Amino acid sequence: MTDSPDQNRVPGPPLHDLAGFAHRWVDAEGIRLHAVESGRSSSPTVVLLAGFPQTWWAWHKAMPRLAERFHVIAIDLPGQGNSDRPQGGYDTHTVASRVQAALTALNVPKYWLVGHDIGANVAFSLAVRYQDRLHGVALLDAGIPGISLPDAIPTDPELAWKTFHLAFHLVPELPETLITGRERDYVGWFLRVKTLSPNTFDSADIDYYAASIAAEGGLRASLAYFRDAAESARNNQDALARGHLTIPVLGISSSHGSMHDMAASISPWAENVTGVVIPEAGHFIPDEQPDATVDALTAFIDHARVG
């Protein structure tokens, strides 16, 4: 583990600092992952995973409040932000193994796991594979491969805009051709259209996330999560055939998000599922309603610890 970035090794967006948190770079099965960690190592650990097209910064509004009670670690997944961008291995079980290796290197024996979007996909796979390492898992507004991810996008224009990219990103070469050089336009569309308030993200946010996608290997890595989704689905089904989740699971939906009822979509595969709907939010719940997100996570953890 190192606290010093090698900028020549990990091309990416400029580092964002957050008061009270430190940057870490951790070896994880041959690649290096970037993590941002609070100093409260004596408190229960909460691990945060973000999705497309974001980085750990997706949680920056929620992290200070969470750090008042918890040891908080936000991790850039492979291909995100300032983590390595390997050529392959973006199915969620391979990524989950790397995240677990990073947490082992950070001396985290057991933790609460929280994931949004692609981060929720990784969190689900991590939970079914490393259930003994988790106290519980919270999943925010995501279609889980093999569980709740639709096999086809809807053709109704009122719905298709929410999921069109699931098919578009699978097409060989075309997304790269159309997005390269236009990363800011593409990223900005998601951040504006999939929020309830189009002003949730400012220009600097869009610049930052676009820089992550535009960095060397960034677009390839971002698309790889979608292109490896079929393998992720098979691995999830194989793991669940050996046993369902028994740890507490929280499904977090939003009033204007992509998944109407996260808890219901997960409940066939888990024994202890609760759900909550965050009002006045679109897909990017931690950015749109950070206080409500923290309240939901804290209530979930407190209830599970008492129970």
C-alpha atoms as a PDB file:
ATOM      1  CA  MET A   1       0.000   0.000   0.000  1.00  0.00           C
ATOM      2  CA  THR A   2       1.183   3.528  -0.742  1.00  0.00           C
ATOM      3  CA  ASP A   3      -0.113   7.005   0.022  1.00  0.00           C
ATOM      4  CA  SER A   4       1.733   8.598  -2.910  1.00  0.00           C
ATOM      5  CA  PRO A   5       0.265   8.542  -6.416  1.00  0.00           C
ATOM      6  CA  ASP A   6       2.403   7.645  -9.406  1.00  0.00           C
ATOM      7  CA  GLN A   7       0.775   9.937 -11.915  1.00  0.00           C
ATOM      8  CA  ASN A   8       2.731   8.375 -14.789  1.00  0.00           C
ATOM      9  CA  ARG A   9       1.229   5.002 -13.978  1.00  0.00           C
ATOM     10  CA  VAL A  10      -2.396   6.037 -13.465  1.00  0.00           C
ATOM     11  CA  PRO A  11      -3.483   8.694 -15.956  1.00  0.00           C
ATOM     12  CA  GLY A  12      -6.734  10.165 -14.789  1.00  0.00           C
ATOM     13  CA  PRO A  13      -8.523  13.267 -13.585  1.00  0.00           C
ATOM     14  CA  PRO A  14      -6.875  15.601 -11.072  1.00  0.00           C
ATOM     15  CA  LEU A  15      -7.197  14.384  -7.498  1.00  0.00           C
ATOM     16  CA  HIS A  16     -10.085  15.847  -5.540  1.00  0.00           C
ATOM     17  CA  ASP A  17      -9.386  16.369  -1.851  1.00  0.00           C
ATOM     18  CA  LEU A  18     -12.050  16.111   0.837  1.00  0.00           C
ATOM     19  CA  ALA A  19     -11.437  17.549   4.302  1.00  0.00           C
ATOM     20  CA  GLY A  20     -10.847  14.837   6.891  1.00  0.00           C
ATOM     21  CA  PHE A  21     -10.064  12.150   4.299  1.00  0.00           C
ATOM     22  CA  ALA A  22      -6.800  10.786   2.916  1.00  0.00           C
ATOM     23  CA  HIS A  23      -5.915   9.231  -0.445  1.00  0.00           C
ATOM     24  CA  ARG A  24      -4.651   5.647  -0.514  1.00  0.00           C
ATOM     25  CA  TRP A  25      -3.361   3.439  -3.332  1.00  0.00           C
ATOM     26  CA  VAL A  26      -3.657  -0.274  -2.665  1.00  0.00           C
ATOM     27  CA  ASP A  27      -2.321  -3.311  -4.506  1.00  0.00           C
ATOM     28  CA  ALA A  28      -5.257  -5.554  -5.396  1.00  0.00           C
ATOM     29  CA  GLU A  29      -4.440  -8.775  -7.238  1.00  0.00           C
ATOM     30  CA  GLY A  30      -1.898  -7.177  -9.520  1.00  0.00           C
ATOM     31  CA  ILE A  31      -3.565  -3.829 -10.094  1.00  0.00           C
ATOM     32  CA  ARG A  32      -3.662  -0.682  -8.003  1.00  0.00           C
ATOM     33  CA  LEU A  33      -6.901   0.741  -6.674  1.00  0.00           C
ATOM     34  CA  HIS A  34      -7.403   4.272  -5.377  1.00  0.00           C
ATOM     35  CA  ALA A  35      -9.311   4.708  -2.113  1.00  0.00           C
ATOM     36  CA  VAL A  36     -10.297   7.727  -0.046  1.00  0.00           C
ATOM     37  CA  GLU A  37     -10.436   7.006   3.669  1.00  0.00           C
ATOM     38  CA  SER A  38     -11.496   8.764   6.832  1.00  0.00           C
ATOM     39  CA  GLY A  39      -9.326   8.527   9.902  1.00  0.00           C
ATOM     40  CA  ARG A  40     -11.867   6.890  12.251  1.00  0.00           C
ATOM     41  CA  SER A  41     -10.429   3.381  11.963  1.00  0.00           C
ATOM     42  CA  SER A  42     -11.808   2.421  15.397  1.00  0.00           C
ATOM     43  CA  SER A  43     -15.408   2.880  14.205  1.00  0.00           C
ATOM     44  CA  PRO A  44     -17.471   0.423  12.116  1.00  0.00           C
ATOM     45  CA  THR A  45     -16.345   0.542   8.485  1.00  0.00           C
ATOM     46  CA  VAL A  46     -18.622   1.621   5.629  1.00  0.00           C
ATOM     47  CA  VAL A  47     -17.296   0.963   2.102  1.00  0.00           C
ATOM     48  CA  LEU A  48     -18.716   2.994  -0.795  1.00  0.00           C
ATOM     49  CA  LEU A  49     -18.668   1.986  -4.499  1.00  0.00           C
ATOM     50  CA  ALA A  50     -19.811   4.318  -7.289  1.00  0.00           C
ATOM     51  CA  GLY A  51     -21.088   3.647 -10.802  1.00  0.00           C
ATOM     52  CA  PHE A  52     -21.125   4.989 -14.357  1.00  0.00           C
ATOM     53  CA  PRO A  53     -20.038   7.616 -15.284  1.00  0.00           C
ATOM     54  CA  GLN A  54     -18.721   8.596 -11.855  1.00  0.00           C
ATOM     55  CA  THR A  55     -15.852   7.937  -9.432  1.00  0.00           C
ATOM     56  CA  TRP A  56     -15.539   7.897  -5.629  1.00  0.00           C
ATOM     57  CA  TRP A  57     -16.467  11.599  -5.792  1.00  0.00           C
ATOM     58  CA  ALA A  58     -20.101  10.502  -6.208  1.00  0.00           C
ATOM     59  CA  TRP A  59     -20.159  10.103  -2.429  1.00  0.00           C
ATOM     60  CA  HIS A  60     -18.393  13.324  -1.419  1.00  0.00           C
ATOM     61  CA  LYS A  61     -21.569  15.028  -0.176  1.00  0.00           C
ATOM     62  CA  ALA A  62     -22.481  12.057   2.029  1.00  0.00           C
ATOM     63  CA  MET A  63     -19.017  11.113   3.284  1.00  0.00           C
ATOM     64  CA  PRO A  64     -18.481  13.873   5.893  1.00  0.00           C
ATOM     65  CA  ARG A  65     -21.720  13.020   7.717  1.00  0.00           C
ATOM     66  CA  LEU A  66     -21.042   9.291   7.510  1.00  0.00           C
ATOM     67  CA  ALA A  67     -17.568   9.899   8.930  1.00  0.00           C
ATOM     68  CA  GLU A  68     -19.087  11.404  12.076  1.00  0.00           C
ATOM     69  CA  ARG A  69     -20.003   7.860  13.127  1.00  0.00           C
ATOM     70  CA  PHE A  70     -18.154   5.477  10.816  1.00  0.00           C
ATOM     71  CA  HIS A  71     -14.797   4.642   9.317  1.00  0.00           C
ATOM     72  CA  VAL A  72     -15.512   5.493   5.664  1.00  0.00           C
ATOM     73  CA  ILE A  73     -13.687   4.142   2.617  1.00  0.00           C
ATOM     74  CA  ALA A  74     -14.731   5.167  -0.903  1.00  0.00           C
ATOM     75  CA  ILE A  75     -13.014   3.138  -3.616  1.00  0.00           C
ATOM     76  CA  ASP A  76     -12.469   3.880  -7.295  1.00  0.00           C
ATOM     77  CA  LEU A  77     -13.306   0.632  -9.072  1.00  0.00           C
ATOM     78  CA  PRO A  78     -10.901  -0.577 -11.777  1.00  0.00           C
ATOM     79  CA  GLY A  79     -11.163   1.896 -14.640  1.00  0.00           C
ATOM     80  CA  GLN A  80     -12.613   4.687 -12.494  1.00  0.00           C
ATOM     81  CA  GLY A  81     -10.904   7.890 -11.434  1.00  0.00           C
ATOM     82  CA  ASN A  82      -7.355   7.270 -10.255  1.00  0.00           C
ATOM     83  CA  SER A  83      -7.410   3.468 -10.156  1.00  0.00           C
ATOM     84  CA  ASP A  84      -5.653   1.285 -12.732  1.00  0.00           C
ATOM     85  CA  ARG A  85      -7.415   0.434 -15.980  1.00  0.00           C
ATOM     86  CA  PRO A  86      -6.547  -3.181 -16.752  1.00  0.00           C
ATOM     87  CA  GLN A  87      -7.212  -4.591 -20.200  1.00  0.00           C
ATOM     88  CA  GLY A  88      -9.759  -7.099 -18.938  1.00  0.00           C
ATOM     89  CA  GLY A  89     -11.527  -8.497 -15.916  1.00  0.00           C
ATOM     90  CA  TYR A  90     -14.553  -6.201 -15.649  1.00  0.00           C
ATOM     91  CA  ASP A  91     -17.122  -8.848 -14.831  1.00  0.00           C
ATOM     92  CA  THR A  92     -18.405  -8.012 -11.383  1.00  0.00           C
ATOM     93  CA  HIS A  93     -17.034 -11.119  -9.670  1.00  0.00           C
ATOM     94  CA  THR A  94     -13.472 -10.372 -10.810  1.00  0.00           C
ATOM     95  CA  VAL A  95     -13.883  -6.755  -9.742  1.00  0.00           C
ATOM     96  CA  ALA A  96     -15.397  -7.851  -6.428  1.00  0.00           C
ATOM     97  CA  SER A  97     -12.366 -10.046  -5.764  1.00  0.00           C
ATOM     98  CA  ARG A  98     -10.088  -7.067  -6.374  1.00  0.00           C
ATOM     99  CA  VAL A  99     -12.125  -4.810  -4.100  1.00  0.00           C
ATOM    100  CA  GLN A 100     -11.971  -7.436  -1.364  1.00  0.00           C
ATOM    101  CA  ALA A 101      -8.193  -7.725  -1.854  1.00  0.00           C
ATOM    102  CA  ALA A 102      -7.903  -3.947  -1.465  1.00  0.00           C
ATOM    103  CA  LEU A 103      -9.901  -3.999   1.766  1.00  0.00           C
ATOM    104  CA  THR A 104      -7.760  -6.816   3.105  1.00  0.00           C
ATOM    105  CA  ALA A 105      -4.681  -4.704   2.320  1.00  0.00           C
ATOM    106  CA  LEU A 106      -6.316  -1.819   4.196  1.00  0.00           C
ATOM    107  CA  ASN A 107      -6.709  -4.103   7.244  1.00  0.00           C
ATOM    108  CA  VAL A 108     -10.514  -4.094   7.162  1.00  0.00           C
ATOM    109  CA  PRO A 109     -11.722  -7.436   8.558  1.00  0.00           C
ATOM    110  CA  LYS A 110     -15.472  -6.826   8.241  1.00  0.00           C
ATOM    111  CA  TYR A 111     -17.568  -3.966   6.929  1.00  0.00           C
ATOM    112  CA  TRP A 112     -20.853  -2.546   5.693  1.00  0.00           C
ATOM    113  CA  LEU A 113     -20.946  -2.295   1.886  1.00  0.00           C
ATOM    114  CA  VAL A 114     -22.828   0.323  -0.142  1.00  0.00           C
ATOM    115  CA  GLY A 115     -22.996   0.481  -3.937  1.00  0.00           C
ATOM    116  CA  HIS A 116     -24.753   2.637  -6.526  1.00  0.00           C
ATOM    117  CA  ASP A 117     -25.318   1.763 -10.200  1.00  0.00           C
ATOM    118  CA  ILE A 118     -22.311  -0.307 -11.433  1.00  0.00           C
ATOM    119  CA  GLY A 119     -21.018  -0.060  -7.873  1.00  0.00           C
ATOM    120  CA  ALA A 120     -24.180  -1.852  -6.730  1.00  0.00           C
ATOM    121  CA  ASN A 121     -23.572  -4.575  -9.307  1.00  0.00           C
ATOM    122  CA  VAL A 122     -20.091  -5.125  -7.873  1.00  0.00           C
ATOM    123  CA  ALA A 123     -21.442  -4.920  -4.316  1.00  0.00           C
ATOM    124  CA  PHE A 124     -24.031  -7.630  -4.997  1.00  0.00           C
ATOM    125  CA  SER A 125     -21.413  -9.965  -6.471  1.00  0.00           C
ATOM    126  CA  LEU A 126     -19.063  -9.232  -3.596  1.00  0.00           C
ATOM    127  CA  ALA A 127     -21.823 -10.021  -1.114  1.00  0.00           C
ATOM    128  CA  VAL A 128     -22.682 -13.390  -2.643  1.00  0.00           C
ATOM    129  CA  ARG A 129     -18.991 -14.327  -2.858  1.00  0.00           C
ATOM    130  CA  TYR A 130     -17.657 -12.884   0.421  1.00  0.00           C
ATOM    131  CA  GLN A 131     -20.739 -12.888   2.623  1.00  0.00           C
ATOM    132  CA  ASP A 132     -18.672 -13.744   5.689  1.00  0.00           C
ATOM    133  CA  ARG A 133     -16.740 -10.464   5.338  1.00  0.00           C
ATOM    134  CA  LEU A 134     -19.852  -8.263   5.362  1.00  0.00           C
ATOM    135  CA  HIS A 135     -22.164  -7.058   8.114  1.00  0.00           C
ATOM    136  CA  GLY A 136     -24.689  -6.034   5.456  1.00  0.00           C
ATOM    137  CA  VAL A 137     -25.049  -4.485   2.010  1.00  0.00           C
ATOM    138  CA  ALA A 138     -27.049  -1.533   0.617  1.00  0.00           C
ATOM    139  CA  LEU A 139     -27.781  -1.318  -3.115  1.00  0.00           C
ATOM    140  CA  LEU A 140     -28.885   1.930  -4.786  1.00  0.00           C
ATOM    141  CA  ASP A 141     -30.881   2.184  -8.050  1.00  0.00           C
ATOM    142  CA  ALA A 142     -29.243  -0.498 -10.188  1.00  0.00           C
ATOM    143  CA  GLY A 143     -30.221  -3.381 -12.417  1.00  0.00           C
ATOM    144  CA  ILE A 144     -28.203  -6.358 -11.156  1.00  0.00           C
ATOM    145  CA  PRO A 145     -26.940  -8.721 -13.918  1.00  0.00           C
ATOM    146  CA  GLY A 146     -28.711 -12.057 -13.740  1.00  0.00           C
ATOM    147  CA  ILE A 147     -31.046 -10.723 -11.056  1.00  0.00           C
ATOM    148  CA  SER A 148     -32.939  -7.625 -12.130  1.00  0.00           C
ATOM    149  CA  LEU A 149     -31.121  -6.265 -15.190  1.00  0.00           C
ATOM    150  CA  PRO A 150     -33.583  -6.350 -18.111  1.00  0.00           C
ATOM    151  CA  ASP A 151     -32.777  -8.563 -21.096  1.00  0.00           C
ATOM    152  CA  ALA A 152     -34.119  -5.946 -23.501  1.00  0.00           C
ATOM    153  CA  ILE A 153     -34.652  -2.224 -23.343  1.00  0.00           C
ATOM    154  CA  PRO A 154     -38.227  -0.929 -23.560  1.00  0.00           C
ATOM    155  CA  THR A 155     -39.346   0.564 -26.866  1.00  0.00           C
ATOM    156  CA  ASP A 156     -41.630   3.154 -25.286  1.00  0.00           C
ATOM    157  CA  PRO A 157     -39.782   6.484 -25.704  1.00  0.00           C
ATOM    158  CA  GLU A 158     -40.980   7.533 -22.261  1.00  0.00           C
ATOM    159  CA  LEU A 159     -38.940   4.676 -20.765  1.00  0.00           C
ATOM    160  CA  ALA A 160     -36.225   3.816 -23.291  1.00  0.00           C
ATOM    161  CA  TRP A 161     -34.037   6.821 -22.461  1.00  0.00           C
ATOM    162  CA  LYS A 162     -33.367   5.369 -19.010  1.00  0.00           C
ATOM    163  CA  THR A 163     -31.769   2.178 -20.302  1.00  0.00           C
ATOM    164  CA  PHE A 164     -30.770   2.733 -23.959  1.00  0.00           C
ATOM    165  CA  HIS A 165     -27.075   2.668 -23.055  1.00  0.00           C
ATOM    166  CA  LEU A 166     -27.270  -0.928 -21.834  1.00  0.00           C
ATOM    167  CA  ALA A 167     -27.550  -2.017 -25.478  1.00  0.00           C
ATOM    168  CA  PHE A 168     -25.553   0.831 -27.045  1.00  0.00           C
ATOM    169  CA  HIS A 169     -22.459   0.093 -24.957  1.00  0.00           C
ATOM    170  CA  LEU A 170     -22.472  -3.526 -26.157  1.00  0.00           C
ATOM    171  CA  VAL A 171     -22.038  -2.613 -29.826  1.00  0.00           C
ATOM    172  CA  PRO A 172     -18.419  -3.182 -30.905  1.00  0.00           C
ATOM    173  CA  GLU A 173     -16.477  -0.024 -31.794  1.00  0.00           C
ATOM    174  CA  LEU A 174     -19.462   2.259 -32.405  1.00  0.00           C
ATOM    175  CA  PRO A 175     -19.602   3.805 -28.896  1.00  0.00           C
ATOM    176  CA  GLU A 176     -15.863   4.502 -29.026  1.00  0.00           C
ATOM    177  CA  THR A 177     -16.253   6.133 -32.445  1.00  0.00           C
ATOM    178  CA  LEU A 178     -19.114   8.362 -31.369  1.00  0.00           C
ATOM    179  CA  ILE A 179     -17.978   9.221 -27.820  1.00  0.00           C
ATOM    180  CA  THR A 180     -14.218   9.796 -28.250  1.00  0.00           C
ATOM    181  CA  GLY A 181     -13.600  13.537 -28.291  1.00  0.00           C
ATOM    182  CA  ARG A 182     -17.150  14.122 -27.064  1.00  0.00           C
ATOM    183  CA  GLU A 183     -16.804  12.649 -23.588  1.00  0.00           C
ATOM    184  CA  ARG A 184     -18.040  15.800 -21.879  1.00  0.00           C
ATOM    185  CA  ASP A 185     -21.217  15.903 -23.990  1.00  0.00           C
ATOM    186  CA  TYR A 186     -21.911  12.232 -23.331  1.00  0.00           C
ATOM    187  CA  VAL A 187     -21.219  12.288 -19.602  1.00  0.00           C
ATOM    188  CA  GLY A 188     -23.080  15.573 -19.225  1.00  0.00           C
ATOM    189  CA  TRP A 189     -26.211  14.061 -20.780  1.00  0.00           C
ATOM    190  CA  PHE A 190     -26.397  11.364 -18.093  1.00  0.00           C
ATOM    191  CA  LEU A 191     -25.710  13.778 -15.254  1.00  0.00           C
ATOM    192  CA  ARG A 192     -28.340  16.269 -16.419  1.00  0.00           C
ATOM    193  CA  VAL A 193     -31.106  14.042 -17.741  1.00  0.00           C
ATOM    194  CA  LYS A 194     -31.051  11.278 -15.124  1.00  0.00           C
ATOM    195  CA  THR A 195     -31.343  13.678 -12.181  1.00  0.00           C
ATOM    196  CA  LEU A 196     -34.624  15.145 -11.008  1.00  0.00           C
ATOM    197  CA  SER A 197     -32.968  18.573 -10.882  1.00  0.00           C
ATOM    198  CA  PRO A 198     -30.763  19.231 -13.937  1.00  0.00           C
ATOM    199  CA  ASN A 199     -28.666  21.602 -11.805  1.00  0.00           C
ATOM    200  CA  THR A 200     -27.471  18.867  -9.414  1.00  0.00           C
ATOM    201  CA  PHE A 201     -24.070  18.727 -11.128  1.00  0.00           C
ATOM    202  CA  ASP A 202     -22.184  21.902 -11.921  1.00  0.00           C
ATOM    203  CA  SER A 203     -19.758  22.457 -14.785  1.00  0.00           C
ATOM    204  CA  ALA A 204     -16.769  21.441 -12.669  1.00  0.00           C
ATOM    205  CA  ASP A 205     -18.429  18.107 -11.803  1.00  0.00           C
ATOM    206  CA  ILE A 206     -19.082  17.369 -15.461  1.00  0.00           C
ATOM    207  CA  ASP A 207     -15.497  18.319 -16.371  1.00  0.00           C
ATOM    208  CA  TYR A 208     -14.137  16.009 -13.690  1.00  0.00           C
ATOM    209  CA  TYR A 209     -16.179  12.947 -14.641  1.00  0.00           C
ATOM    210  CA  ALA A 210     -15.544  13.544 -18.344  1.00  0.00           C
ATOM    211  CA  ALA A 211     -11.804  13.682 -17.638  1.00  0.00           C
ATOM    212  CA  SER A 212     -11.999  10.264 -15.991  1.00  0.00           C
ATOM    213  CA  ILE A 213     -13.727   8.765 -19.037  1.00  0.00           C
ATOM    214  CA  ALA A 214     -11.398  10.564 -21.455  1.00  0.00           C
ATOM    215  CA  ALA A 215      -8.194   9.439 -19.714  1.00  0.00           C
ATOM    216  CA  GLU A 216      -6.169   6.717 -21.389  1.00  0.00           C
ATOM    217  CA  GLY A 217      -8.180   3.507 -21.125  1.00  0.00           C
ATOM    218  CA  GLY A 218     -11.061   5.222 -19.356  1.00  0.00           C
ATOM    219  CA  LEU A 219     -13.712   4.793 -22.033  1.00  0.00           C
ATOM    220  CA  ARG A 220     -12.653   1.209 -22.732  1.00  0.00           C
ATOM    221  CA  ALA A 221     -12.923   0.369 -19.043  1.00  0.00           C
ATOM    222  CA  SER A 222     -16.287   2.099 -18.640  1.00  0.00           C
ATOM    223  CA  LEU A 223     -17.789   0.175 -21.540  1.00  0.00           C
ATOM    224  CA  ALA A 224     -16.246  -3.092 -20.363  1.00  0.00           C
ATOM    225  CA  TYR A 225     -18.545  -3.277 -17.334  1.00  0.00           C
ATOM    226  CA  PHE A 226     -21.517  -3.389 -19.714  1.00  0.00           C
ATOM    227  CA  ARG A 227     -19.806  -5.709 -22.191  1.00  0.00           C
ATOM    228  CA  ASP A 228     -18.963  -8.177 -19.401  1.00  0.00           C
ATOM    229  CA  ALA A 229     -22.480  -8.054 -17.936  1.00  0.00           C
ATOM    230  CA  ALA A 230     -23.457 -11.432 -19.405  1.00  0.00           C
ATOM    231  CA  GLU A 231     -20.517 -13.063 -17.611  1.00  0.00           C
ATOM    232  CA  SER A 232     -21.459 -11.194 -14.444  1.00  0.00           C
ATOM    233  CA  ALA A 233     -24.996 -12.577 -14.744  1.00  0.00           C
ATOM    234  CA  ARG A 234     -23.777 -16.174 -15.152  1.00  0.00           C
ATOM    235  CA  ASN A 235     -21.452 -15.835 -12.174  1.00  0.00           C
ATOM    236  CA  ASN A 236     -24.221 -14.376 -10.017  1.00  0.00           C
ATOM    237  CA  GLN A 237     -26.573 -17.213 -10.886  1.00  0.00           C
ATOM    238  CA  ASP A 238     -23.884 -19.827 -10.242  1.00  0.00           C
ATOM    239  CA  ALA A 239     -23.095 -18.295  -6.837  1.00  0.00           C
ATOM    240  CA  LEU A 240     -26.736 -18.051  -5.813  1.00  0.00           C
ATOM    241  CA  ALA A 241     -27.330 -21.671  -6.793  1.00  0.00           C
ATOM    242  CA  ARG A 242     -25.021 -22.522  -3.887  1.00  0.00           C
ATOM    243  CA  GLY A 243     -26.929 -20.358  -1.409  1.00  0.00           C
ATOM    244  CA  HIS A 244     -28.828 -17.111  -1.062  1.00  0.00           C
ATOM    245  CA  LEU A 245     -27.774 -14.028   0.866  1.00  0.00           C
ATOM    246  CA  THR A 246     -28.419 -14.235   4.604  1.00  0.00           C
ATOM    247  CA  ILE A 247     -26.868 -10.904   5.645  1.00  0.00           C
ATOM    248  CA  PRO A 248     -29.106  -7.811   5.929  1.00  0.00           C
ATOM    249  CA  VAL A 249     -29.755  -6.177   2.545  1.00  0.00           C
ATOM    250  CA  LEU A 250     -31.153  -2.688   1.954  1.00  0.00           C
ATOM    251  CA  GLY A 251     -32.584  -1.729  -1.407  1.00  0.00           C
ATOM    252  CA  ILE A 252     -32.614   2.034  -1.944  1.00  0.00           C
ATOM    253  CA  SER A 253     -34.866   3.342  -4.699  1.00  0.00           C
ATOM    254  CA  SER A 254     -35.781   6.925  -5.538  1.00  0.00           C
ATOM    255  CA  SER A 255     -38.947   8.700  -6.551  1.00  0.00           C
ATOM    256  CA  HIS A 256     -37.688   9.320 -10.108  1.00  0.00           C
ATOM    257  CA  GLY A 257     -34.963   6.705 -10.514  1.00  0.00           C
ATOM    258  CA  SER A 258     -34.391   3.805 -12.888  1.00  0.00           C
ATOM    259  CA  MET A 259     -35.520   0.946 -10.610  1.00  0.00           C
ATOM    260  CA  HIS A 260     -39.005   1.239  -9.156  1.00  0.00           C
ATOM    261  CA  ASP A 261     -38.417  -1.112  -6.200  1.00  0.00           C
ATOM    262  CA  MET A 262     -34.863  -2.260  -5.474  1.00  0.00           C
ATOM    263  CA  ALA A 263     -35.912  -4.324  -2.466  1.00  0.00           C
ATOM    264  CA  ALA A 264     -38.506  -6.303  -4.421  1.00  0.00           C
ATOM    265  CA  SER A 265     -36.011  -7.052  -7.205  1.00  0.00           C
ATOM    266  CA  ILE A 266     -33.512  -8.490  -4.719  1.00  0.00           C
ATOM    267  CA  SER A 267     -35.881 -10.248  -2.288  1.00  0.00           C
ATOM    268  CA  PRO A 268     -36.061 -13.579  -4.176  1.00  0.00           C
ATOM    269  CA  TRP A 269     -32.317 -13.964  -3.626  1.00  0.00           C
ATOM    270  CA  ALA A 270     -31.922 -12.770  -0.047  1.00  0.00           C
ATOM    271  CA  GLU A 271     -33.505 -13.730   3.270  1.00  0.00           C
ATOM    272  CA  ASN A 272     -33.387 -10.361   5.038  1.00  0.00           C
ATOM    273  CA  VAL A 273     -34.313  -7.492   2.716  1.00  0.00           C
ATOM    274  CA  THR A 274     -35.747  -4.092   3.509  1.00  0.00           C
ATOM    275  CA  GLY A 275     -36.392  -1.174   1.190  1.00  0.00           C
ATOM    276  CA  VAL A 276     -36.642   2.582   1.237  1.00  0.00           C
ATOM    277  CA  VAL A 277     -37.592   5.162  -1.376  1.00  0.00           C
ATOM    278  CA  ILE A 278     -35.743   8.485  -1.343  1.00  0.00           C
ATOM    279  CA  PRO A 279     -38.103  11.296  -2.381  1.00  0.00           C
ATOM    280  CA  GLU A 280     -37.237  14.125  -4.761  1.00  0.00           C
ATOM    281  CA  ALA A 281     -34.390  12.257  -6.457  1.00  0.00           C
ATOM    282  CA  GLY A 282     -33.572  10.744  -9.823  1.00  0.00           C
ATOM    283  CA  HIS A 283     -30.887   8.145 -10.514  1.00  0.00           C
ATOM    284  CA  PHE A 284     -27.943   9.893  -8.818  1.00  0.00           C
ATOM    285  CA  ILE A 285     -29.324   9.579  -5.298  1.00  0.00           C
ATOM    286  CA  PRO A 286     -26.160  10.326  -3.219  1.00  0.00           C
ATOM    287  CA  ASP A 287     -25.622  13.581  -5.134  1.00  0.00           C
ATOM    288  CA  GLU A 288     -29.256  14.627  -5.226  1.00  0.00           C
ATOM    289  CA  GLN A 289     -30.275  13.755  -1.660  1.00  0.00           C
ATOM    290  CA  PRO A 290     -27.097  13.147   0.376  1.00  0.00           C
ATOM    291  CA  ASP A 291     -28.707  13.749   3.779  1.00  0.00           C
ATOM    292  CA  ALA A 292     -31.583  11.379   3.066  1.00  0.00           C
ATOM    293  CA  THR A 293     -29.072   8.819   1.783  1.00  0.00           C
ATOM    294  CA  VAL A 294     -27.016   9.065   4.982  1.00  0.00           C
ATOM    295  CA  ASP A 295     -30.164   8.836   7.110  1.00  0.00           C
ATOM    296  CA  ALA A 296     -31.292   5.680   5.281  1.00  0.00           C
ATOM    297  CA  LEU A 297     -27.875   4.025   5.577  1.00  0.00           C
ATOM    298  CA  THR A 298     -27.501   4.952   9.248  1.00  0.00           C
ATOM    299  CA  ALA A 299     -30.971   3.656  10.116  1.00  0.00           C
ATOM    300  CA  PHE A 300     -30.256   0.415   8.250  1.00  0.00           C
ATOM    301  CA  ILE A 301     -26.960  -0.138  10.059  1.00  0.00           C
ATOM    302  CA  ASP A 302     -28.384   0.776  13.462  1.00  0.00           C
ATOM    303  CA  HIS A 303     -31.374  -1.529  13.032  1.00  0.00           C
ATOM    304  CA  ALA A 304     -29.226  -4.428  11.823  1.00  0.00           C
ATOM    305  CA  ARG A 305     -26.763  -4.012  14.700  1.00  0.00           C
ATOM    306  CA  VAL A 306     -29.554  -3.987  17.293  1.00  0.00           C
ATOM    307  CA  GLY A 307     -31.372  -6.865  15.622  1.00  0.00           C
END
